[in-house]
Amino acid sequence: MKFTPCNDLCTYDGTHCEGCGRSHEEIAETKALVMSIVNFVQKQDYENVEEFVGAISKSVIKKTLPQP
């Protein structure tokens, strides 16, 4: 499955958003994940949020993509 980001054309009827095509469950879980990261960053009082998020991004990619 390919990720489709929000395009600000949100709908709430049915099981999927008509704007992005993602399920409402996926959207809710993504929002919870983001808020968890936000809360962690705030708890740690990081001044370099962009660097932290970049490091997390690299780590996720490294752990999910096949390694040669």
PDB file of N, CA and C in Angstrom:
ATOM      1  N   MET A   1       0.847  -1.173   0.000  1.00  0.00           N
ATOM      2  CA  MET A   1       0.000   0.000   0.000  1.00  0.00           C
ATOM      3  C   MET A   1       0.893   1.236   0.000  1.00  0.00           C
ATOM      4  N   LYS A   2       0.499   2.243  -0.730  1.00  0.00           N
ATOM      5  CA  LYS A   2       1.247   3.485  -0.798  1.00  0.00           C
ATOM      6  C   LYS A   2       0.587   4.516   0.112  1.00  0.00           C
ATOM      7  N   PHE A   3       1.395   5.227   0.910  1.00  0.00           N
ATOM      8  CA  PHE A   3       0.886   6.282   1.787  1.00  0.00           C
ATOM      9  C   PHE A   3       0.451   7.487   0.954  1.00  0.00           C
ATOM     10  N   THR A   4      -0.689   8.042   1.308  1.00  0.00           N
ATOM     11  CA  THR A   4      -1.182   9.262   0.682  1.00  0.00           C
ATOM     12  C   THR A   4      -1.383  10.298   1.776  1.00  0.00           C
ATOM     13  N   PRO A   5      -0.663  11.417   1.716  1.00  0.00           N
ATOM     14  CA  PRO A   5      -0.812  12.424   2.764  1.00  0.00           C
ATOM     15  C   PRO A   5      -2.145  13.168   2.659  1.00  0.00           C
ATOM     16  N   CYS A   6      -2.500  13.820   3.745  1.00  0.00           N
ATOM     17  CA  CYS A   6      -3.711  14.632   3.773  1.00  0.00           C
ATOM     18  C   CYS A   6      -3.598  15.753   2.746  1.00  0.00           C
ATOM     19  N   ASN A   7      -4.709  16.038   2.070  1.00  0.00           N
ATOM     20  CA  ASN A   7      -4.734  17.126   1.086  1.00  0.00           C
ATOM     21  C   ASN A   7      -5.788  18.178   1.449  1.00  0.00           C
ATOM     22  N   ASP A   8      -6.201  18.164   2.722  1.00  0.00           N
ATOM     23  CA  ASP A   8      -7.186  19.118   3.255  1.00  0.00           C
ATOM     24  C   ASP A   8      -8.544  19.061   2.553  1.00  0.00           C
ATOM     25  N   LEU A   9      -8.909  17.896   2.037  1.00  0.00           N
ATOM     26  CA  LEU A   9     -10.231  17.677   1.454  1.00  0.00           C
ATOM     27  C   LEU A   9     -10.932  16.573   2.243  1.00  0.00           C
ATOM     28  N   CYS A  10     -10.848  16.666   3.558  1.00  0.00           N
ATOM     29  CA  CYS A  10     -11.291  15.605   4.463  1.00  0.00           C
ATOM     30  C   CYS A  10     -12.800  15.378   4.410  1.00  0.00           C
ATOM     31  N   THR A  11     -13.151  14.090   4.480  1.00  0.00           N
ATOM     32  CA  THR A  11     -14.543  13.680   4.648  1.00  0.00           C
ATOM     33  C   THR A  11     -14.586  12.691   5.798  1.00  0.00           C
ATOM     34  N   TYR A  12     -15.744  12.580   6.443  1.00  0.00           N
ATOM     35  CA  TYR A  12     -15.844  11.750   7.643  1.00  0.00           C
ATOM     36  C   TYR A  12     -16.892  10.649   7.536  1.00  0.00           C
ATOM     37  N   ASP A  13     -17.617  10.582   6.441  1.00  0.00           N
ATOM     38  CA  ASP A  13     -18.613   9.530   6.242  1.00  0.00           C
ATOM     39  C   ASP A  13     -17.927   8.263   5.742  1.00  0.00           C
ATOM     40  N   GLY A  14     -18.545   7.131   6.003  1.00  0.00           N
ATOM     41  CA  GLY A  14     -18.009   5.863   5.522  1.00  0.00           C
ATOM     42  C   GLY A  14     -16.766   5.431   6.270  1.00  0.00           C
ATOM     43  N   THR A  15     -16.000   4.559   5.652  1.00  0.00           N
ATOM     44  CA  THR A  15     -14.808   4.018   6.298  1.00  0.00           C
ATOM     45  C   THR A  15     -13.524   4.715   5.865  1.00  0.00           C
ATOM     46  N   HIS A  16     -13.590   5.444   4.744  1.00  0.00           N
ATOM     47  CA  HIS A  16     -12.397   6.095   4.202  1.00  0.00           C
ATOM     48  C   HIS A  16     -12.658   7.568   3.891  1.00  0.00           C
ATOM     49  N   CYS A  17     -11.609   8.359   4.022  1.00  0.00           N
ATOM     50  CA  CYS A  17     -11.682   9.770   3.641  1.00  0.00           C
ATOM     51  C   CYS A  17     -11.707   9.862   2.116  1.00  0.00           C
ATOM     52  N   GLU A  18     -12.617  10.629   1.591  1.00  0.00           N
ATOM     53  CA  GLU A  18     -12.695  10.796   0.136  1.00  0.00           C
ATOM     54  C   GLU A  18     -11.545  11.662  -0.379  1.00  0.00           C
ATOM     55  N   GLY A  19     -10.965  12.496   0.479  1.00  0.00           N
ATOM     56  CA  GLY A  19      -9.878  13.381   0.059  1.00  0.00           C
ATOM     57  C   GLY A  19      -8.577  12.638  -0.211  1.00  0.00           C
ATOM     58  N   CYS A  20      -8.139  11.844   0.777  1.00  0.00           N
ATOM     59  CA  CYS A  20      -6.844  11.165   0.648  1.00  0.00           C
ATOM     60  C   CYS A  20      -6.976   9.669   0.400  1.00  0.00           C
ATOM     61  N   GLY A  21      -8.148   9.105   0.663  1.00  0.00           N
ATOM     62  CA  GLY A  21      -8.372   7.686   0.442  1.00  0.00           C
ATOM     63  C   GLY A  21      -7.957   6.787   1.594  1.00  0.00           C
ATOM     64  N   ARG A  22      -7.378   7.372   2.640  1.00  0.00           N
ATOM     65  CA  ARG A  22      -6.961   6.554   3.783  1.00  0.00           C
ATOM     66  C   ARG A  22      -8.166   6.227   4.658  1.00  0.00           C
ATOM     67  N   SER A  23      -8.070   5.101   5.371  1.00  0.00           N
ATOM     68  CA  SER A  23      -9.163   4.747   6.271  1.00  0.00           C
ATOM     69  C   SER A  23      -9.162   5.703   7.456  1.00  0.00           C
ATOM     70  N   HIS A  24     -10.327   5.888   8.031  1.00  0.00           N
ATOM     71  CA  HIS A  24     -10.420   6.760   9.204  1.00  0.00           C
ATOM     72  C   HIS A  24      -9.625   6.175  10.361  1.00  0.00           C
ATOM     73  N   GLU A  25      -9.534   4.852  10.411  1.00  0.00           N
ATOM     74  CA  GLU A  25      -8.723   4.199  11.451  1.00  0.00           C
ATOM     75  C   GLU A  25      -7.240   4.546  11.270  1.00  0.00           C
ATOM     76  N   GLU A  26      -6.741   4.482  10.040  1.00  0.00           N
ATOM     77  CA  GLU A  26      -5.347   4.828   9.760  1.00  0.00           C
ATOM     78  C   GLU A  26      -5.076   6.279  10.117  1.00  0.00           C
ATOM     79  N   ILE A  27      -5.992   7.161   9.758  1.00  0.00           N
ATOM     80  CA  ILE A  27      -5.826   8.584  10.061  1.00  0.00           C
ATOM     81  C   ILE A  27      -5.761   8.803  11.568  1.00  0.00           C
ATOM     82  N   ALA A  28      -6.650   8.164  12.312  1.00  0.00           N
ATOM     83  CA  ALA A  28      -6.669   8.308  13.771  1.00  0.00           C
ATOM     84  C   ALA A  28      -5.377   7.782  14.390  1.00  0.00           C
ATOM     85  N   GLU A  29      -4.902   6.635  13.914  1.00  0.00           N
ATOM     86  CA  GLU A  29      -3.662   6.067  14.445  1.00  0.00           C
ATOM     87  C   GLU A  29      -2.463   6.944  14.110  1.00  0.00           C
ATOM     88  N   THR A  30      -2.441   7.534  12.917  1.00  0.00           N
ATOM     89  CA  THR A  30      -1.358   8.434  12.529  1.00  0.00           C
ATOM     90  C   THR A  30      -1.359   9.671  13.417  1.00  0.00           C
ATOM     91  N   LYS A  31      -2.546  10.229  13.661  1.00  0.00           N
ATOM     92  CA  LYS A  31      -2.643  11.402  14.547  1.00  0.00           C
ATOM     93  C   LYS A  31      -2.144  11.062  15.940  1.00  0.00           C
ATOM     94  N   ALA A  32      -2.487   9.878  16.458  1.00  0.00           N
ATOM     95  CA  ALA A  32      -2.030   9.460  17.783  1.00  0.00           C
ATOM     96  C   ALA A  32      -0.507   9.309  17.807  1.00  0.00           C
ATOM     97  N   LEU A  33       0.054   8.736  16.744  1.00  0.00           N
ATOM     98  CA  LEU A  33       1.497   8.580  16.651  1.00  0.00           C
ATOM     99  C   LEU A  33       2.192   9.939  16.659  1.00  0.00           C
ATOM    100  N   VAL A  34       1.690  10.867  15.862  1.00  0.00           N
ATOM    101  CA  VAL A  34       2.271  12.207  15.802  1.00  0.00           C
ATOM    102  C   VAL A  34       2.193  12.887  17.169  1.00  0.00           C
ATOM    103  N   MET A  35       1.036  12.782  17.824  1.00  0.00           N
ATOM    104  CA  MET A  35       0.894  13.415  19.141  1.00  0.00           C
ATOM    105  C   MET A  35       1.826  12.768  20.162  1.00  0.00           C
ATOM    106  N   SER A  36       2.074  11.474  20.045  1.00  0.00           N
ATOM    107  CA  SER A  36       3.018  10.800  20.929  1.00  0.00           C
ATOM    108  C   SER A  36       4.428  11.372  20.739  1.00  0.00           C
ATOM    109  N   ILE A  37       4.818  11.577  19.499  1.00  0.00           N
ATOM    110  CA  ILE A  37       6.132  12.161  19.215  1.00  0.00           C
ATOM    111  C   ILE A  37       6.197  13.599  19.716  1.00  0.00           C
ATOM    112  N   VAL A  38       5.140  14.371  19.485  1.00  0.00           N
ATOM    113  CA  VAL A  38       5.085  15.756  19.970  1.00  0.00           C
ATOM    114  C   VAL A  38       5.237  15.789  21.488  1.00  0.00           C
ATOM    115  N   ASN A  39       4.497  14.937  22.180  1.00  0.00           N
ATOM    116  CA  ASN A  39       4.579  14.898  23.641  1.00  0.00           C
ATOM    117  C   ASN A  39       5.978  14.528  24.111  1.00  0.00           C
ATOM    118  N   PHE A  40       6.622  13.580  23.430  1.00  0.00           N
ATOM    119  CA  PHE A  40       7.978  13.181  23.780  1.00  0.00           C
ATOM    120  C   PHE A  40       8.946  14.339  23.595  1.00  0.00           C
ATOM    121  N   VAL A  41       8.854  15.021  22.453  1.00  0.00           N
ATOM    122  CA  VAL A  41       9.731  16.165  22.165  1.00  0.00           C
ATOM    123  C   VAL A  41       9.552  17.248  23.229  1.00  0.00           C
ATOM    124  N   GLN A  42       8.299  17.521  23.590  1.00  0.00           N
ATOM    125  CA  GLN A  42       8.039  18.542  24.604  1.00  0.00           C
ATOM    126  C   GLN A  42       8.564  18.109  25.972  1.00  0.00           C
ATOM    127  N   LYS A  43       8.402  16.840  26.312  1.00  0.00           N
ATOM    128  CA  LYS A  43       8.893  16.324  27.596  1.00  0.00           C
ATOM    129  C   LYS A  43      10.414  16.445  27.674  1.00  0.00           C
ATOM    130  N   GLN A  44      11.088  16.158  26.557  1.00  0.00           N
ATOM    131  CA  GLN A  44      12.550  16.246  26.527  1.00  0.00           C
ATOM    132  C   GLN A  44      13.037  17.687  26.402  1.00  0.00           C
ATOM    133  N   ASP A  45      12.137  18.579  26.025  1.00  0.00           N
ATOM    134  CA  ASP A  45      12.458  20.000  25.836  1.00  0.00           C
ATOM    135  C   ASP A  45      13.551  20.200  24.779  1.00  0.00           C
ATOM    136  N   TYR A  46      13.438  19.415  23.689  1.00  0.00           N
ATOM    137  CA  TYR A  46      14.413  19.539  22.612  1.00  0.00           C
ATOM    138  C   TYR A  46      14.323  20.918  21.959  1.00  0.00           C
ATOM    139  N   GLU A  47      15.465  21.507  21.698  1.00  0.00           N
ATOM    140  CA  GLU A  47      15.521  22.774  20.961  1.00  0.00           C
ATOM    141  C   GLU A  47      15.662  22.529  19.463  1.00  0.00           C
ATOM    142  N   ASN A  48      16.122  21.330  19.109  1.00  0.00           N
ATOM    143  CA  ASN A  48      16.383  20.996  17.701  1.00  0.00           C
ATOM    144  C   ASN A  48      15.404  19.921  17.224  1.00  0.00           C
ATOM    145  N   VAL A  49      14.132  20.273  17.221  1.00  0.00           N
ATOM    146  CA  VAL A  49      13.068  19.325  16.858  1.00  0.00           C
ATOM    147  C   VAL A  49      13.287  18.766  15.451  1.00  0.00           C
ATOM    148  N   GLU A  50      13.689  19.620  14.517  1.00  0.00           N
ATOM    149  CA  GLU A  50      13.891  19.164  13.139  1.00  0.00           C
ATOM    150  C   GLU A  50      14.940  18.065  13.069  1.00  0.00           C
ATOM    151  N   GLU A  51      16.009  18.200  13.833  1.00  0.00           N
ATOM    152  CA  GLU A  51      17.072  17.196  13.837  1.00  0.00           C
ATOM    153  C   GLU A  51      16.566  15.876  14.433  1.00  0.00           C
ATOM    154  N   PHE A  52      15.789  15.972  15.512  1.00  0.00           N
ATOM    155  CA  PHE A  52      15.225  14.776  16.128  1.00  0.00           C
ATOM    156  C   PHE A  52      14.306  14.048  15.151  1.00  0.00           C
ATOM    157  N   VAL A  53      13.399  14.772  14.517  1.00  0.00           N
ATOM    158  CA  VAL A  53      12.457  14.154  13.581  1.00  0.00           C
ATOM    159  C   VAL A  53      13.203  13.563  12.383  1.00  0.00           C
ATOM    160  N   GLY A  54      14.238  14.232  11.923  1.00  0.00           N
ATOM    161  CA  GLY A  54      15.054  13.700  10.834  1.00  0.00           C
ATOM    162  C   GLY A  54      15.723  12.393  11.226  1.00  0.00           C
ATOM    163  N   ALA A  55      16.229  12.335  12.461  1.00  0.00           N
ATOM    164  CA  ALA A  55      16.879  11.105  12.943  1.00  0.00           C
ATOM    165  C   ALA A  55      15.865   9.974  13.059  1.00  0.00           C
ATOM    166  N   ILE A  56      14.677  10.282  13.551  1.00  0.00           N
ATOM    167  CA  ILE A  56      13.617   9.273  13.642  1.00  0.00           C
ATOM    168  C   ILE A  56      13.258   8.766  12.244  1.00  0.00           C
ATOM    169  N   SER A  57      13.133   9.682  11.304  1.00  0.00           N
ATOM    170  CA  SER A  57      12.799   9.310   9.922  1.00  0.00           C
ATOM    171  C   SER A  57      13.839   8.352   9.348  1.00  0.00           C
ATOM    172  N   LYS A  58      15.097   8.679   9.512  1.00  0.00           N
ATOM    173  CA  LYS A  58      16.171   7.816   9.003  1.00  0.00           C
ATOM    174  C   LYS A  58      16.124   6.440   9.667  1.00  0.00           C
ATOM    175  N   SER A  59      15.868   6.426  10.961  1.00  0.00           N
ATOM    176  CA  SER A  59      15.816   5.157  11.701  1.00  0.00           C
ATOM    177  C   SER A  59      14.662   4.282  11.215  1.00  0.00           C
ATOM    178  N   VAL A  60      13.498   4.884  11.005  1.00  0.00           N
ATOM    179  CA  VAL A  60      12.339   4.122  10.523  1.00  0.00           C
ATOM    180  C   VAL A  60      12.620   3.542   9.139  1.00  0.00           C
ATOM    181  N   ILE A  61      13.180   4.362   8.269  1.00  0.00           N
ATOM    182  CA  ILE A  61      13.492   3.899   6.914  1.00  0.00           C
ATOM    183  C   ILE A  61      14.493   2.751   6.963  1.00  0.00           C
ATOM    184  N   LYS A  62      15.535   2.895   7.776  1.00  0.00           N
ATOM    185  CA  LYS A  62      16.567   1.866   7.883  1.00  0.00           C
ATOM    186  C   LYS A  62      15.988   0.550   8.391  1.00  0.00           C
ATOM    187  N   LYS A  63      15.045   0.642   9.336  1.00  0.00           N
ATOM    188  CA  LYS A  63      14.497  -0.562   9.940  1.00  0.00           C
ATOM    189  C   LYS A  63      13.401  -1.225   9.083  1.00  0.00           C
ATOM    190  N   THR A  64      12.849  -0.505   8.126  1.00  0.00           N
ATOM    191  CA  THR A  64      11.757  -1.079   7.326  1.00  0.00           C
ATOM    192  C   THR A  64      12.155  -1.481   5.917  1.00  0.00           C
ATOM    193  N   LEU A  65      13.196  -0.888   5.376  1.00  0.00           N
ATOM    194  CA  LEU A  65      13.606  -1.240   4.025  1.00  0.00           C
ATOM    195  C   LEU A  65      14.546  -2.448   4.054  1.00  0.00           C
ATOM    196  N   PRO A  66      14.471  -3.286   3.036  1.00  0.00           N
ATOM    197  CA  PRO A  66      15.377  -4.437   2.974  1.00  0.00           C
ATOM    198  C   PRO A  66      16.836  -3.971   2.937  1.00  0.00           C
ATOM    199  N   GLN A  67      17.669  -4.654   3.683  1.00  0.00           N
ATOM    200  CA  GLN A  67      19.090  -4.329   3.712  1.00  0.00           C
ATOM    201  C   GLN A  67      19.826  -5.223   2.722  1.00  0.00           C
ATOM    202  N   PRO A  68      20.794  -4.657   2.018  1.00  0.00           N
ATOM    203  CA  PRO A  68      21.548  -5.459   1.030  1.00  0.00           C
ATOM    204  C   PRO A  68      22.398  -6.528   1.681  1.00  0.00           C
TER     205      PRO A  68
END
